[in-house]
PDB file of N, CA and C in Angstrom:
ATOM      1  N   MET A   1     -17.752 -10.579  28.267  1.00  0.00           N
ATOM      2  CA  MET A   1     -18.126  -8.977  28.256  1.00  0.00           C
ATOM      3  C   MET A   1     -19.358  -8.618  27.847  1.00  0.00           C
ATOM      4  N   ALA A   2     -20.191  -9.358  26.816  1.00  0.00           N
ATOM      5  CA  ALA A   2     -21.532  -9.255  26.312  1.00  0.00           C
ATOM      6  C   ALA A   2     -22.481  -9.552  27.604  1.00  0.00           C
ATOM      7  N   GLU A   3     -22.269 -10.390  28.438  1.00  0.00           N
ATOM      8  CA  GLU A   3     -23.023 -10.652  29.482  1.00  0.00           C
ATOM      9  C   GLU A   3     -23.043  -9.414  30.854  1.00  0.00           C
ATOM     10  N   GLU A   4     -21.848  -8.915  30.673  1.00  0.00           N
ATOM     11  CA  GLU A   4     -21.868  -7.719  31.624  1.00  0.00           C
ATOM     12  C   GLU A   4     -22.599  -6.234  31.019  1.00  0.00           C
ATOM     13  N   GLN A   5     -22.716  -6.296  29.727  1.00  0.00           N
ATOM     14  CA  GLN A   5     -23.367  -5.447  29.076  1.00  0.00           C
ATOM     15  C   GLN A   5     -24.914  -5.545  29.172  1.00  0.00           C
ATOM     16  N   VAL A   6     -25.444  -6.918  29.133  1.00  0.00           N
ATOM     17  CA  VAL A   6     -26.790  -7.107  29.375  1.00  0.00           C
ATOM     18  C   VAL A   6     -27.079  -7.088  30.601  1.00  0.00           C
ATOM     19  N   ILE A   7     -26.519  -7.483  31.613  1.00  0.00           N
ATOM     20  CA  ILE A   7     -26.601  -7.096  33.080  1.00  0.00           C
ATOM     21  C   ILE A   7     -26.728  -5.685  33.283  1.00  0.00           C
ATOM     22  N   LYS A   8     -25.839  -4.891  32.714  1.00  0.00           N
ATOM     23  CA  LYS A   8     -25.645  -3.314  32.930  1.00  0.00           C
ATOM     24  C   LYS A   8     -26.946  -2.511  32.285  1.00  0.00           C
ATOM     25  N   LEU A   9     -27.578  -3.057  31.169  1.00  0.00           N
ATOM     26  CA  LEU A   9     -28.628  -2.521  30.321  1.00  0.00           C
ATOM     27  C   LEU A   9     -29.853  -2.953  31.109  1.00  0.00           C
ATOM     28  N   LEU A  10     -29.685  -4.227  31.868  1.00  0.00           N
ATOM     29  CA  LEU A  10     -30.877  -4.483  32.652  1.00  0.00           C
ATOM     30  C   LEU A  10     -31.077  -3.789  33.959  1.00  0.00           C
ATOM     31  N   GLU A  11     -29.906  -3.520  34.289  1.00  0.00           N
ATOM     32  CA  GLU A  11     -30.080  -2.460  35.843  1.00  0.00           C
ATOM     33  C   GLU A  11     -30.505  -1.146  35.196  1.00  0.00           C
ATOM     34  N   GLU A  12     -30.088  -0.664  34.006  1.00  0.00           N
ATOM     35  CA  GLU A  12     -30.613   0.393  33.685  1.00  0.00           C
ATOM     36  C   GLU A  12     -31.946   0.764  33.506  1.00  0.00           C
ATOM     37  N   ILE A  13     -32.675  -0.476  32.748  1.00  0.00           N
ATOM     38  CA  ILE A  13     -34.090  -0.487  32.575  1.00  0.00           C
ATOM     39  C   ILE A  13     -34.723  -0.622  33.984  1.00  0.00           C
ATOM     40  N   ARG A  14     -34.181  -1.426  34.933  1.00  0.00           N
ATOM     41  CA  ARG A  14     -34.722  -1.273  36.133  1.00  0.00           C
ATOM     42  C   ARG A  14     -34.888   0.081  36.886  1.00  0.00           C
ATOM     43  N   ASP A  15     -33.714   0.606  37.119  1.00  0.00           N
ATOM     44  CA  ASP A  15     -33.757   1.887  37.633  1.00  0.00           C
ATOM     45  C   ASP A  15     -34.597   3.004  36.941  1.00  0.00           C
ATOM     46  N   LEU A  16     -34.662   2.910  35.488  1.00  0.00           N
ATOM     47  CA  LEU A  16     -35.698   3.941  34.899  1.00  0.00           C
ATOM     48  C   LEU A  16     -37.122   3.224  35.118  1.00  0.00           C
ATOM     49  N   GLN A  17     -37.563   2.042  35.259  1.00  0.00           N
ATOM     50  CA  GLN A  17     -38.681   1.548  35.753  1.00  0.00           C
ATOM     51  C   GLN A  17     -39.062   2.178  37.094  1.00  0.00           C
ATOM     52  N   LYS A  18     -38.188   2.004  38.022  1.00  0.00           N
ATOM     53  CA  LYS A  18     -38.279   2.542  39.206  1.00  0.00           C
ATOM     54  C   LYS A  18     -38.560   4.261  39.110  1.00  0.00           C
ATOM     55  N   LEU A  19     -37.604   5.030  38.591  1.00  0.00           N
ATOM     56  CA  LEU A  19     -38.077   6.341  38.231  1.00  0.00           C
ATOM     57  C   LEU A  19     -39.293   6.409  37.720  1.00  0.00           C
ATOM     58  N   HIS A  20     -39.936   5.809  36.425  1.00  0.00           N
ATOM     59  CA  HIS A  20     -41.105   6.000  36.175  1.00  0.00           C
ATOM     60  C   HIS A  20     -42.296   5.668  37.293  1.00  0.00           C
ATOM     61  N   VAL A  21     -42.217   4.858  38.211  1.00  0.00           N
ATOM     62  CA  VAL A  21     -43.103   4.514  39.070  1.00  0.00           C
ATOM     63  C   VAL A  21     -43.213   5.829  39.963  1.00  0.00           C
ATOM     64  N   GLU A  22     -42.045   6.108  40.606  1.00  0.00           N
ATOM     65  CA  GLU A  22     -42.192   7.602  41.363  1.00  0.00           C
ATOM     66  C   GLU A  22     -42.690   8.793  40.528  1.00  0.00           C
ATOM     67  N   ASN A  23     -42.284   9.060  39.587  1.00  0.00           N
ATOM     68  CA  ASN A  23     -42.982  10.011  38.608  1.00  0.00           C
ATOM     69  C   ASN A  23     -44.692   9.639  38.551  1.00  0.00           C
ATOM     70  N   TYR A  24     -44.968   8.677  38.320  1.00  0.00           N
ATOM     71  CA  TYR A  24     -46.257   8.200  38.320  1.00  0.00           C
ATOM     72  C   TYR A  24     -47.091   8.574  39.680  1.00  0.00           C
ATOM     73  N   LYS A  25     -46.418   8.205  40.484  1.00  0.00           N
ATOM     74  CA  LYS A  25     -47.019   8.371  41.950  1.00  0.00           C
ATOM     75  C   LYS A  25     -47.124  10.122  41.970  1.00  0.00           C
ATOM     76  N   ASP A  26     -46.221  10.848  41.930  1.00  0.00           N
ATOM     77  CA  ASP A  26     -46.179  12.265  41.907  1.00  0.00           C
ATOM     78  C   ASP A  26     -47.381  12.835  40.874  1.00  0.00           C
ATOM     79  N   ALA A  27     -47.643  12.304  39.802  1.00  0.00           N
ATOM     80  CA  ALA A  27     -48.577  12.640  38.876  1.00  0.00           C
ATOM     81  C   ALA A  27     -50.062  12.525  39.667  1.00  0.00           C
ATOM     82  N   LEU A  28     -50.042  11.313  39.842  1.00  0.00           N
ATOM     83  CA  LEU A  28     -51.316  10.694  40.552  1.00  0.00           C
ATOM     84  C   LEU A  28     -51.576  11.625  41.861  1.00  0.00           C
ATOM     85  N   LYS A  29     -50.613  12.063  42.780  1.00  0.00           N
ATOM     86  CA  LYS A  29     -50.798  12.981  43.751  1.00  0.00           C
ATOM     87  C   LYS A  29     -51.224  14.320  43.346  1.00  0.00           C
ATOM     88  N   ASN A  30     -50.680  14.663  42.233  1.00  0.00           N
ATOM     89  CA  ASN A  30     -50.875  16.257  41.938  1.00  0.00           C
ATOM     90  C   ASN A  30     -52.555  16.099  41.142  1.00  0.00           C
ATOM     91  N   GLN A  31     -52.772  15.274  40.410  1.00  0.00           N
ATOM     92  CA  GLN A  31     -54.153  15.136  40.166  1.00  0.00           C
ATOM     93  C   GLN A  31     -55.272  14.992  41.270  1.00  0.00           C
ATOM     94  N   GLN A  32     -55.068  14.154  42.066  1.00  0.00           N
ATOM     95  CA  GLN A  32     -55.845  14.052  43.285  1.00  0.00           C
ATOM     96  C   GLN A  32     -56.023  15.478  44.078  1.00  0.00           C
ATOM     97  N   GLU A  33     -54.965  16.236  44.218  1.00  0.00           N
ATOM     98  CA  GLU A  33     -54.911  17.489  44.750  1.00  0.00           C
ATOM     99  C   GLU A  33     -55.687  18.645  43.821  1.00  0.00           C
ATOM    100  N   SER A  34     -55.323  18.456  42.268  1.00  0.00           N
ATOM    101  CA  SER A  34     -56.069  19.298  41.492  1.00  0.00           C
ATOM    102  C   SER A  34     -57.834  18.927  41.394  1.00  0.00           C
ATOM    103  N   ILE A  35     -57.915  17.933  41.623  1.00  0.00           N
ATOM    104  CA  ILE A  35     -59.662  17.360  41.719  1.00  0.00           C
ATOM    105  C   ILE A  35     -60.033  17.835  43.283  1.00  0.00           C
ATOM    106  N   GLU A  36     -59.521  17.885  44.311  1.00  0.00           N
ATOM    107  CA  GLU A  36     -59.772  18.521  45.338  1.00  0.00           C
ATOM    108  C   GLU A  36     -59.999  19.981  45.245  1.00  0.00           C
ATOM    109  N   ILE A  37     -59.036  20.814  44.502  1.00  0.00           N
ATOM    110  CA  ILE A  37     -59.261  22.107  44.525  1.00  0.00           C
ATOM    111  C   ILE A  37     -60.379  22.458  43.425  1.00  0.00           C
ATOM    112  N   GLN A  38     -60.442  21.747  42.235  1.00  0.00           N
ATOM    113  CA  GLN A  38     -61.809  22.024  41.487  1.00  0.00           C
ATOM    114  C   GLN A  38     -63.211  21.615  42.304  1.00  0.00           C
ATOM    115  N   LYS A  39     -63.091  20.688  43.218  1.00  0.00           N
ATOM    116  CA  LYS A  39     -64.178  20.515  44.038  1.00  0.00           C
ATOM    117  C   LYS A  39     -64.574  21.675  45.236  1.00  0.00           C
ATOM    118  N   GLN A  40     -63.414  22.149  45.498  1.00  0.00           N
ATOM    119  CA  GLN A  40     -63.667  23.566  46.532  1.00  0.00           C
ATOM    120  C   GLN A  40     -64.167  24.684  45.591  1.00  0.00           C
ATOM    121  N   ALA A  41     -63.635  24.923  44.386  1.00  0.00           N
ATOM    122  CA  ALA A  41     -64.126  25.921  43.785  1.00  0.00           C
ATOM    123  C   ALA A  41     -65.609  25.771  43.270  1.00  0.00           C
ATOM    124  N   MET A  42     -65.875  24.672  43.297  1.00  0.00           N
ATOM    125  CA  MET A  42     -67.385  24.360  42.781  1.00  0.00           C
ATOM    126  C   MET A  42     -68.302  24.591  44.044  1.00  0.00           C
ATOM    127  N   ARG A  43     -67.827  24.412  45.202  1.00  0.00           N
ATOM    128  CA  ARG A  43     -68.416  24.579  46.333  1.00  0.00           C
ATOM    129  C   ARG A  43     -68.710  26.134  46.472  1.00  0.00           C
ATOM    130  N   ARG A  44     -67.724  26.757  46.253  1.00  0.00           N
ATOM    131  CA  ARG A  44     -67.852  28.267  46.348  1.00  0.00           C
ATOM    132  C   ARG A  44     -68.509  28.953  45.245  1.00  0.00           C
ATOM    133  N   GLN A  45     -68.529  28.242  44.139  1.00  0.00           N
ATOM    134  CA  GLN A  45     -69.606  28.887  42.905  1.00  0.00           C
ATOM    135  C   GLN A  45     -70.963  28.526  43.405  1.00  0.00           C
ATOM    136  N   ARG A  46     -71.381  27.592  43.944  1.00  0.00           N
ATOM    137  CA  ARG A  46     -72.533  27.178  44.539  1.00  0.00           C
ATOM    138  C   ARG A  46     -73.115  28.044  45.371  1.00  0.00           C
ATOM    139  N   ILE A  47     -72.224  28.453  46.618  1.00  0.00           N
ATOM    140  CA  ILE A  47     -72.352  29.444  47.521  1.00  0.00           C
ATOM    141  C   ILE A  47     -72.534  30.693  46.925  1.00  0.00           C
ATOM    142  N   ASN A  48     -71.781  31.205  45.995  1.00  0.00           N
ATOM    143  CA  ASN A  48     -71.885  32.609  45.382  1.00  0.00           C
ATOM    144  C   ASN A  48     -73.261  32.560  44.676  1.00  0.00           C
ATOM    145  N   LEU A  49     -73.568  31.548  43.898  1.00  0.00           N
ATOM    146  CA  LEU A  49     -74.630  31.726  43.153  1.00  0.00           C
ATOM    147  C   LEU A  49     -75.996  31.752  43.803  1.00  0.00           C
ATOM    148  N   LEU A  50     -75.987  30.922  45.132  1.00  0.00           N
ATOM    149  CA  LEU A  50     -76.996  31.014  45.797  1.00  0.00           C
ATOM    150  C   LEU A  50     -77.334  32.418  46.504  1.00  0.00           C
ATOM    151  N   VAL A  51     -76.230  33.106  46.762  1.00  0.00           N
ATOM    152  CA  VAL A  51     -75.852  34.304  47.607  1.00  0.00           C
ATOM    153  C   VAL A  51     -76.524  35.386  46.407  1.00  0.00           C
ATOM    154  N   ILE A  52     -76.039  35.388  45.184  1.00  0.00           N
ATOM    155  CA  ILE A  52     -76.617  36.299  44.362  1.00  0.00           C
ATOM    156  C   ILE A  52     -78.039  36.180  44.020  1.00  0.00           C
ATOM    157  N   GLY A  53     -78.357  34.604  43.890  1.00  0.00           N
ATOM    158  CA  GLY A  53     -79.806  34.517  43.678  1.00  0.00           C
ATOM    159  C   GLY A  53     -80.937  35.214  44.900  1.00  0.00           C
ATOM    160  N   VAL A  54     -80.504  34.706  45.922  1.00  0.00           N
ATOM    161  CA  VAL A  54     -81.021  35.638  46.958  1.00  0.00           C
ATOM    162  C   VAL A  54     -81.083  37.220  47.009  1.00  0.00           C
ATOM    163  N   VAL A  55     -80.007  37.675  46.795  1.00  0.00           N
ATOM    164  CA  VAL A  55     -80.067  38.963  46.742  1.00  0.00           C
ATOM    165  C   VAL A  55     -80.720  39.610  45.449  1.00  0.00           C
ATOM    166  N   LEU A  56     -81.142  38.895  44.450  1.00  0.00           N
ATOM    167  CA  LEU A  56     -81.573  39.495  43.163  1.00  0.00           C
ATOM    168  C   LEU A  56     -82.914  39.200  43.620  1.00  0.00           C
ATOM    169  N   ILE A  57     -83.343  38.096  44.047  1.00  0.00           N
ATOM    170  CA  ILE A  57     -85.110  37.939  44.582  1.00  0.00           C
ATOM    171  C   ILE A  57     -85.264  38.963  45.617  1.00  0.00           C
ATOM    172  N   ILE A  58     -84.523  39.272  46.543  1.00  0.00           N
ATOM    173  CA  ILE A  58     -84.762  40.180  47.438  1.00  0.00           C
ATOM    174  C   ILE A  58     -84.951  41.754  46.865  1.00  0.00           C
ATOM    175  N   PHE A  59     -84.051  41.946  46.004  1.00  0.00           N
ATOM    176  CA  PHE A  59     -83.907  43.245  45.095  1.00  0.00           C
ATOM    177  C   PHE A  59     -85.291  43.276  44.255  1.00  0.00           C
ATOM    178  N   LEU A  60     -85.763  42.368  43.540  1.00  0.00           N
ATOM    179  CA  LEU A  60     -86.922  42.152  42.672  1.00  0.00           C
ATOM    180  C   LEU A  60     -88.093  42.082  43.483  1.00  0.00           C
ATOM    181  N   GLY A  61     -88.078  41.763  44.807  1.00  0.00           N
ATOM    182  CA  GLY A  61     -89.092  41.903  45.757  1.00  0.00           C
ATOM    183  C   GLY A  61     -89.161  43.087  46.076  1.00  0.00           C
ATOM    184  N   PHE A  62     -88.314  44.094  46.349  1.00  0.00           N
ATOM    185  CA  PHE A  62     -88.259  45.350  46.743  1.00  0.00           C
ATOM    186  C   PHE A  62     -88.859  46.122  45.723  1.00  0.00           C
ATOM    187  N   ILE A  63     -88.260  45.989  44.618  1.00  0.00           N
ATOM    188  CA  ILE A  63     -88.974  46.813  43.346  1.00  0.00           C
ATOM    189  C   ILE A  63     -90.323  46.583  43.221  1.00  0.00           C
ATOM    190  N   ALA A  64     -90.981  45.471  43.053  1.00  0.00           N
ATOM    191  CA  ALA A  64     -92.154  45.073  42.886  1.00  0.00           C
ATOM    192  C   ALA A  64     -93.071  45.567  44.237  1.00  0.00           C
ATOM    193  N   TRP A  65     -92.238  45.511  45.431  1.00  0.00           N
ATOM    194  CA  TRP A  65     -93.345  46.196  46.734  1.00  0.00           C
ATOM    195  C   TRP A  65     -93.423  47.754  46.477  1.00  0.00           C
ATOM    196  N   SER A  66     -92.309  48.224  46.006  1.00  0.00           N
ATOM    197  CA  SER A  66     -92.354  49.871  45.909  1.00  0.00           C
ATOM    198  C   SER A  66     -93.391  50.531  44.935  1.00  0.00           C
ATOM    199  N   SER A  67     -93.230  49.572  43.774  1.00  0.00           N
ATOM    200  CA  SER A  67     -93.991  50.087  42.472  1.00  0.00           C
ATOM    201  C   SER A  67     -95.664  49.695  42.955  1.00  0.00           C
ATOM    202  N   TYR A  68     -95.836  49.082  43.803  1.00  0.00           N
ATOM    203  CA  TYR A  68     -97.508  49.084  44.299  1.00  0.00           C
ATOM    204  C   TYR A  68     -97.868  49.656  45.520  1.00  0.00           C
ATOM    205  N   ALA A  69     -96.866  50.136  46.338  1.00  0.00           N
ATOM    206  CA  ALA A  69     -97.020  50.704  47.498  1.00  0.00           C
ATOM    207  C   ALA A  69     -97.728  52.087  47.266  1.00  0.00           C
ATOM    208  N   PRO A  70     -98.540  52.582  47.959  1.00  0.00           N
ATOM    209  CA  PRO A  70     -99.588  53.750  47.795  1.00  0.00           C
ATOM    210  C   PRO A  70     -98.440  55.007  47.975  1.00  0.00           C
ATOM    211  N   LYS A  71     -98.728  55.794  47.053  1.00  0.00           N
ATOM    212  CA  LYS A  71     -97.861  57.070  47.270  1.00  0.00           C
ATOM    213  C   LYS A  71     -98.585  58.125  47.835  1.00  0.00           C
TER     214      LYS A  71
END
């Protein structure tokens, strides 16, 4: 009887370990997706910063040009 209980306990441990491995794989996949999303967001932020910088430079150039233009 005790031997059957040990076998059953070991089977439960095995099943739990399999479930843990599957959950770990899912978590790892989710982390990889999250990293990719963050990389995409960083790319968009860099592009936005570049566009804002160019617009600001053009605006400041226009202000400087208009202040020195003959009236």
